[in-house]
Amino acid sequence: MLKLPSRLRMDNVPQEWAKLEGALRAESAQVGNAAGRSVSLDASGLNDFDSAALSLLLSALRLCGQDGWQLTLHQAPRELRELARVYGLEQLFWSDAAAPAQAA
């Protein structure tokens, strides 16, 4: 399982993405050779973040999805999940998220 850093803000996300992208590619290569096709990210240590964290997570989701891998986010802070909900992205990261109400 890959771990997210403790801080993901606008000023450090490009550097953190460069690290995570390489790790995801390596992990995906291992996963591709295994029975499962899921890559896990541990977000338990993430405690200082802004909306740039969602950008990084969307990039990770896109990278994994290119080859049919599933990205699973574990132990995300409540505030990150709330931020994703505000941006309408919660369902992309958490399968138990309620579907948004449809406009009539």
C-alpha atoms as a PDB file:
ATOM      1  CA  MET A   1       0.000   0.000   0.000  1.00  0.00           C
ATOM      2  CA  LEU A   2       1.315   3.416  -0.963  1.00  0.00           C
ATOM      3  CA  LYS A   3       1.149   6.258   1.560  1.00  0.00           C
ATOM      4  CA  LEU A   4       0.173   9.843   0.873  1.00  0.00           C
ATOM      5  CA  PRO A   5       2.376  12.472   2.526  1.00  0.00           C
ATOM      6  CA  SER A   6       1.183  14.475   5.526  1.00  0.00           C
ATOM      7  CA  ARG A   7       0.934  17.662   3.455  1.00  0.00           C
ATOM      8  CA  LEU A   8      -0.664  18.234   0.042  1.00  0.00           C
ATOM      9  CA  ARG A   9      -1.042  21.907  -0.827  1.00  0.00           C
ATOM     10  CA  MET A  10      -0.789  23.932  -4.002  1.00  0.00           C
ATOM     11  CA  ASP A  11       2.918  24.645  -3.468  1.00  0.00           C
ATOM     12  CA  ASN A  12       4.037  21.017  -3.027  1.00  0.00           C
ATOM     13  CA  VAL A  13       1.577  18.958  -5.079  1.00  0.00           C
ATOM     14  CA  PRO A  14       3.668  19.054  -8.295  1.00  0.00           C
ATOM     15  CA  GLN A  15       6.654  17.556  -6.468  1.00  0.00           C
ATOM     16  CA  GLU A  16       4.494  15.053  -4.598  1.00  0.00           C
ATOM     17  CA  TRP A  17       2.758  14.041  -7.838  1.00  0.00           C
ATOM     18  CA  ALA A  18       6.124  13.324  -9.461  1.00  0.00           C
ATOM     19  CA  LYS A  19       6.946  10.966  -6.579  1.00  0.00           C
ATOM     20  CA  LEU A  20       3.502   9.363  -6.476  1.00  0.00           C
ATOM     21  CA  GLU A  21       3.302   8.886 -10.235  1.00  0.00           C
ATOM     22  CA  GLY A  22       6.501   6.843 -10.224  1.00  0.00           C
ATOM     23  CA  ALA A  23       5.344   4.822  -7.240  1.00  0.00           C
ATOM     24  CA  LEU A  24       1.935   4.196  -8.828  1.00  0.00           C
ATOM     25  CA  ARG A  25       3.530   3.009 -12.059  1.00  0.00           C
ATOM     26  CA  ALA A  26       5.791   0.609 -10.133  1.00  0.00           C
ATOM     27  CA  GLU A  27       2.909  -0.592  -7.954  1.00  0.00           C
ATOM     28  CA  SER A  28       0.657  -1.025 -10.984  1.00  0.00           C
ATOM     29  CA  ALA A  29       3.306  -3.135 -12.700  1.00  0.00           C
ATOM     30  CA  GLN A  30       3.340  -5.429  -9.665  1.00  0.00           C
ATOM     31  CA  VAL A  31      -0.458  -5.436  -9.437  1.00  0.00           C
ATOM     32  CA  GLY A  32      -0.693  -6.163 -13.154  1.00  0.00           C
ATOM     33  CA  ASN A  33       1.275  -9.336 -12.554  1.00  0.00           C
ATOM     34  CA  ALA A  34      -0.895 -10.342  -9.582  1.00  0.00           C
ATOM     35  CA  ALA A  35      -4.466 -11.603  -9.398  1.00  0.00           C
ATOM     36  CA  GLY A  36      -5.975  -8.297  -8.241  1.00  0.00           C
ATOM     37  CA  ARG A  37      -6.002  -5.070 -10.199  1.00  0.00           C
ATOM     38  CA  SER A  38      -6.341  -2.607  -7.362  1.00  0.00           C
ATOM     39  CA  VAL A  39      -3.824  -0.058  -6.138  1.00  0.00           C
ATOM     40  CA  SER A  40      -4.274   1.196  -2.568  1.00  0.00           C
ATOM     41  CA  LEU A  41      -3.393   4.616  -1.165  1.00  0.00           C
ATOM     42  CA  ASP A  42      -3.179   5.141   2.586  1.00  0.00           C
ATOM     43  CA  ALA A  43      -4.258   8.689   3.467  1.00  0.00           C
ATOM     44  CA  SER A  44      -4.138   8.260   7.241  1.00  0.00           C
ATOM     45  CA  GLY A  45      -1.148  10.586   7.609  1.00  0.00           C
ATOM     46  CA  LEU A  46      -2.623  13.386   5.497  1.00  0.00           C
ATOM     47  CA  ASN A  47      -3.366  16.295   7.832  1.00  0.00           C
ATOM     48  CA  ASP A  48      -2.505  19.496   5.943  1.00  0.00           C
ATOM     49  CA  PHE A  49      -4.156  19.856   2.542  1.00  0.00           C
ATOM     50  CA  ASP A  50      -6.190  22.060   0.247  1.00  0.00           C
ATOM     51  CA  SER A  51      -8.084  21.443  -2.984  1.00  0.00           C
ATOM     52  CA  ALA A  52      -4.788  20.660  -4.736  1.00  0.00           C
ATOM     53  CA  ALA A  53      -4.927  17.312  -2.912  1.00  0.00           C
ATOM     54  CA  LEU A  54      -8.034  16.480  -4.944  1.00  0.00           C
ATOM     55  CA  SER A  55      -6.152  17.347  -8.123  1.00  0.00           C
ATOM     56  CA  LEU A  56      -3.405  14.902  -7.162  1.00  0.00           C
ATOM     57  CA  LEU A  57      -5.969  12.211  -6.355  1.00  0.00           C
ATOM     58  CA  LEU A  58      -7.772  12.778  -9.655  1.00  0.00           C
ATOM     59  CA  SER A  59      -4.462  12.417 -11.486  1.00  0.00           C
ATOM     60  CA  ALA A  60      -3.801   9.175  -9.614  1.00  0.00           C
ATOM     61  CA  LEU A  61      -7.302   7.919 -10.442  1.00  0.00           C
ATOM     62  CA  ARG A  62      -6.805   8.782 -14.119  1.00  0.00           C
ATOM     63  CA  LEU A  63      -3.401   7.088 -14.258  1.00  0.00           C
ATOM     64  CA  CYS A  64      -4.720   3.910 -12.675  1.00  0.00           C
ATOM     65  CA  GLY A  65      -7.825   3.878 -14.844  1.00  0.00           C
ATOM     66  CA  GLN A  66      -5.831   4.078 -18.075  1.00  0.00           C
ATOM     67  CA  ASP A  67      -4.938   0.426 -17.782  1.00  0.00           C
ATOM     68  CA  GLY A  68      -8.021  -0.749 -15.937  1.00  0.00           C
ATOM     69  CA  TRP A  69      -6.649  -0.610 -12.406  1.00  0.00           C
ATOM     70  CA  GLN A  70      -8.852   0.451  -9.532  1.00  0.00           C
ATOM     71  CA  LEU A  71      -7.586   3.047  -7.069  1.00  0.00           C
ATOM     72  CA  THR A  72      -8.672   2.532  -3.473  1.00  0.00           C
ATOM     73  CA  LEU A  73      -8.238   5.303  -0.914  1.00  0.00           C
ATOM     74  CA  HIS A  74      -7.932   4.170   2.711  1.00  0.00           C
ATOM     75  CA  GLN A  75      -8.301   6.084   5.983  1.00  0.00           C
ATOM     76  CA  ALA A  76      -8.808   9.491   4.412  1.00  0.00           C
ATOM     77  CA  PRO A  77      -9.425  12.358   6.813  1.00  0.00           C
ATOM     78  CA  ARG A  78     -13.065  13.342   7.201  1.00  0.00           C
ATOM     79  CA  GLU A  79     -12.207  16.831   5.950  1.00  0.00           C
ATOM     80  CA  LEU A  80     -10.813  15.445   2.686  1.00  0.00           C
ATOM     81  CA  ARG A  81     -13.983  13.490   2.092  1.00  0.00           C
ATOM     82  CA  GLU A  82     -16.033  16.606   2.806  1.00  0.00           C
ATOM     83  CA  LEU A  83     -13.910  18.622   0.370  1.00  0.00           C
ATOM     84  CA  ALA A  84     -14.479  15.962  -2.287  1.00  0.00           C
ATOM     85  CA  ARG A  85     -18.222  16.100  -1.584  1.00  0.00           C
ATOM     86  CA  VAL A  86     -18.289  19.889  -1.999  1.00  0.00           C
ATOM     87  CA  TYR A  87     -16.588  19.534  -5.388  1.00  0.00           C
ATOM     88  CA  GLY A  88     -18.918  16.698  -6.421  1.00  0.00           C
ATOM     89  CA  LEU A  89     -16.094  14.147  -6.481  1.00  0.00           C
ATOM     90  CA  GLU A  90     -16.920  11.977  -3.473  1.00  0.00           C
ATOM     91  CA  GLN A  91     -18.333   9.114  -5.547  1.00  0.00           C
ATOM     92  CA  LEU A  92     -15.110   8.831  -7.514  1.00  0.00           C
ATOM     93  CA  PHE A  93     -13.161   7.905  -4.397  1.00  0.00           C
ATOM     94  CA  TRP A  94     -15.691   6.280  -2.066  1.00  0.00           C
ATOM     95  CA  SER A  95     -18.180   3.695  -3.279  1.00  0.00           C
ATOM     96  CA  ASP A  96     -20.419   4.229  -0.235  1.00  0.00           C
ATOM     97  CA  ALA A  97     -21.032   7.896  -1.138  1.00  0.00           C
ATOM     98  CA  ALA A  98     -24.638   8.854  -1.729  1.00  0.00           C
ATOM     99  CA  ALA A  99     -25.518   9.605  -5.336  1.00  0.00           C
ATOM    100  CA  PRO A 100     -26.164  13.306  -5.988  1.00  0.00           C
ATOM    101  CA  ALA A 101     -29.776  14.332  -6.341  1.00  0.00           C
ATOM    102  CA  GLN A 102     -30.962  14.694  -9.928  1.00  0.00           C
ATOM    103  CA  ALA A 103     -32.455  18.016 -11.021  1.00  0.00           C
ATOM    104  CA  ALA A 104     -36.090  17.786 -12.039  1.00  0.00           C
END
